[in-house]
Protein backbone atom coordinates (compact mmCIF):
# COMPACT_ATOMS: atom_id res chain seq x y z
CA MET A 1 -142.49 178.62 -4.95
CA ARG A 2 -140.29 180.64 -7.28
CA LYS A 3 -140.17 179.54 -10.96
CA ILE A 4 -136.70 179.51 -12.54
CA LYS A 5 -136.49 179.27 -16.35
CA VAL A 6 -133.83 176.87 -17.63
CA GLN A 7 -131.47 178.61 -20.08
CA LYS A 8 -129.29 177.31 -22.88
CA LEU A 9 -125.68 177.00 -21.72
CA THR A 10 -123.63 179.73 -23.40
CA ASP A 11 -120.17 181.16 -22.70
CA GLU A 12 -121.64 184.61 -22.06
CA GLY A 13 -124.52 183.43 -19.86
CA PHE A 14 -122.39 181.14 -17.69
CA ARG A 15 -119.16 183.21 -17.53
CA LYS A 16 -119.68 184.57 -14.00
CA TYR A 17 -120.12 181.04 -12.61
CA GLY A 18 -117.27 179.23 -14.37
CA VAL A 19 -116.53 177.65 -17.74
CA PHE A 20 -117.57 174.56 -19.72
CA GLN A 21 -116.37 172.43 -22.62
CA ASP A 22 -118.18 169.95 -24.87
CA LEU A 23 -115.80 166.98 -24.70
CA THR A 24 -117.02 165.62 -28.05
CA ASN A 25 -116.56 168.84 -30.08
CA ASN A 26 -113.10 168.21 -31.59
CA ALA A 27 -113.03 171.46 -33.60
CA GLN A 28 -113.82 173.60 -30.55
CA MET A 29 -111.29 171.77 -28.39
CA ALA A 30 -108.60 172.25 -31.09
CA GLU A 31 -109.35 176.02 -31.07
CA ARG A 32 -108.91 176.28 -27.29
CA VAL A 33 -105.64 174.37 -26.78
CA ILE A 34 -102.59 173.21 -28.68
CA PRO A 35 -103.69 169.72 -29.75
CA CYS A 36 -101.30 166.80 -29.85
CA GLY A 37 -102.91 164.79 -32.63
CA THR A 38 -106.22 163.64 -31.17
CA PHE A 39 -105.25 164.53 -27.58
CA TYR A 40 -106.52 167.90 -26.31
CA PRO A 41 -104.46 168.72 -23.20
CA ASP A 42 -105.29 171.14 -20.41
CA LEU A 43 -108.76 172.18 -21.64
CA LEU A 44 -109.80 173.49 -18.22
CA THR A 45 -107.97 174.06 -14.97
CA LEU A 46 -109.47 173.19 -11.61
CA ASP A 47 -108.05 174.83 -8.47
CA PHE A 48 -108.31 172.21 -5.76
CA GLY A 49 -106.10 174.01 -3.27
CA LYS A 50 -103.08 172.43 -1.66
CA THR A 51 -104.53 170.62 1.33
CA THR A 52 -106.18 167.57 -0.22
CA LEU A 53 -105.82 165.39 -3.29
CA PRO A 54 -108.21 165.69 -6.25
CA THR A 55 -110.87 162.99 -6.32
CA VAL A 56 -113.35 161.64 -8.83
CA SER A 57 -116.84 160.90 -7.53
CA CYS A 58 -120.06 159.86 -9.22
CA CYS A 59 -123.48 161.50 -8.88
CA HIS A 60 -126.41 159.19 -9.65
CA VAL A 61 -129.58 161.24 -10.11
CA HIS A 62 -133.15 160.25 -10.90
CA LYS A 63 -135.82 162.00 -12.94
CA GLN A 64 -138.46 163.74 -10.83
CA ASP A 65 -142.02 164.81 -11.63
CA ARG A 66 -140.86 168.38 -10.94
CA MET A 67 -137.37 169.86 -10.75
CA VAL A 68 -137.51 171.38 -7.28
CA VAL A 69 -134.54 173.22 -5.79
CA ASP A 70 -134.48 172.47 -2.07
CA PHE A 71 -130.73 172.20 -1.46
CA LEU A 72 -128.05 174.85 -1.99
CA GLU A 73 -124.30 174.60 -1.43
CA TYR A 74 -121.03 176.31 -2.30
CA HIS A 75 -117.35 175.73 -1.63
CA GLN A 76 -115.45 178.62 -0.15
CA TYR A 77 -111.98 177.85 -1.51
CA THR A 78 -112.18 175.24 -4.23
CA CYS A 79 -113.89 174.78 -7.55
CA GLU A 80 -115.92 171.77 -8.67
CA GLY A 81 -116.05 169.98 -12.00
CA LEU A 82 -118.98 167.97 -13.42
CA VAL A 83 -119.50 166.03 -16.63
CA ALA A 84 -122.85 164.47 -17.53
CA LEU A 85 -122.21 160.99 -18.92
CA ASP A 86 -125.41 159.35 -20.14
CA ASP A 87 -128.07 162.07 -20.38
CA ASP A 88 -128.48 165.81 -20.66
CA VAL A 89 -129.15 167.35 -17.24
CA VAL A 90 -130.42 170.59 -15.79
CA ILE A 91 -128.16 172.33 -13.28
CA TYR A 92 -128.64 175.43 -11.18
CA VAL A 93 -126.09 177.98 -10.02
CA GLY A 94 -125.94 181.34 -8.31
CA VAL A 95 -123.89 183.66 -6.16
CA PRO A 96 -124.21 183.96 -2.40
CA GLU A 97 -125.35 187.28 -1.00
CA MET A 98 -122.82 188.14 1.72
CA GLY A 99 -122.41 184.38 2.23
CA ALA A 100 -126.16 183.68 2.38
CA LEU A 101 -127.66 180.98 0.18
CA LYS A 102 -130.82 182.43 -1.37
CA ILE A 103 -133.10 180.95 -4.02
CA GLU A 104 -133.59 184.44 -5.47
CA ASN A 105 -129.99 184.36 -6.71
CA ILE A 106 -130.38 181.12 -8.70
CA GLU A 107 -130.23 180.63 -12.47
CA ALA A 108 -130.69 177.28 -14.25
CA PHE A 109 -128.87 175.90 -17.30
CA TYR A 110 -129.33 172.98 -19.67
CA LEU A 111 -126.11 170.93 -19.60
CA PRO A 112 -125.74 168.58 -22.60
CA ARG A 113 -124.21 165.19 -21.84
CA HIS A 114 -120.46 164.91 -22.45
CA THR A 115 -120.04 168.58 -21.50
CA PHE A 116 -117.61 169.29 -18.68
CA ILE A 117 -118.55 172.23 -16.50
CA LYS A 118 -116.46 174.00 -13.88
CA PHE A 119 -118.02 175.89 -10.98
CA ASN A 120 -115.74 178.57 -9.55
CA PRO A 121 -115.30 178.81 -5.77
CA MET A 122 -118.22 180.53 -4.02
CA ILE A 123 -120.74 179.51 -6.72
CA ILE A 124 -124.01 178.14 -5.35
CA HIS A 125 -125.08 174.85 -6.90
CA GLY A 126 -126.82 171.62 -5.95
CA GLY A 127 -128.35 168.49 -7.43
CA GLN A 128 -128.86 167.80 -11.10
CA PHE A 129 -131.97 166.67 -12.97
CA PRO A 130 -131.97 164.21 -15.93
CA VAL A 131 -133.83 165.49 -18.99
CA HIS A 132 -134.58 162.42 -21.17
CA GLN A 133 -133.72 159.28 -19.19
CA GLU A 134 -135.07 158.07 -15.86
CA GLU A 135 -131.61 158.36 -14.36
CA ALA A 136 -128.26 159.92 -15.16
CA HIS A 137 -124.69 159.61 -13.95
CA LEU A 138 -122.26 162.49 -13.62
CA ILE A 139 -118.57 162.48 -12.82
CA CYS A 140 -117.85 165.00 -10.06
CA MET A 141 -114.30 166.26 -9.45
CA LEU A 142 -113.50 167.85 -6.10
CA PRO A 143 -110.68 167.84 -3.57
CA GLY A 144 -111.03 164.92 -1.18
CA ARG A 145 -113.55 165.41 1.65
CA THR A 146 -114.66 168.82 0.36
CA PHE A 147 -118.20 168.01 1.48
CA ASN A 148 -116.80 167.87 5.01
CA ASN A 149 -114.17 170.62 5.09
CA ASP A 150 -115.10 173.31 2.53
CA MET A 151 -118.85 173.34 2.05
CA VAL A 152 -121.51 175.81 3.12
CA SER A 153 -124.98 174.37 2.59
CA ARG A 154 -128.64 174.96 3.21
CA VAL A 155 -131.61 172.58 3.05
CA ILE A 156 -134.81 174.46 2.23
CA THR A 157 -137.78 172.95 4.06
CA ASP A 158 -140.34 175.74 3.64
CA GLU A 159 -142.28 175.04 0.41
CA SER A 160 -142.69 178.76 -0.32
CA GLU A 161 -138.89 179.28 -0.29
CA LYS A 162 -138.09 176.49 -2.77
CA GLY A 163 -137.58 177.01 -6.48
CA GLU A 164 -138.96 175.05 -9.42
CA LEU A 165 -136.89 174.76 -12.59
CA VAL A 166 -138.92 175.04 -15.78
CA LEU A 167 -137.72 173.92 -19.22
């Protein structure tokens, strides 16, 4: 099993995968947009295409003894947005190699709660792992039915091909 070191989320380290914004950092939000009092409009844009409506979903994840990567996915045409609500979580991302989903291309990041993260199209990702609590909830924004009409995925069953995320 491949060990993948979890990194601090930084603009430079995450740039090739997408962008993120701490939704509780008022000073940073004011620097990135034209604020309207205490309203910070249009912090991030999400391209959901033109074929389906944007949706809000919820991911409910549970703490595991080990953070094992055994599922990889990406969306060919649309981006995805996540915000961790009630705990910090660990996420993993990567780029497909000529469309192939490979564990060797994965990096892991520590996503503080209340931070919105955007995955660009064609960015490999998968489940999230709570850091402090036994469970965590995340809001997931995608075009409707993306899991059915714009998702390439792979379940890794061979133990030697899986990855383990290490804090």
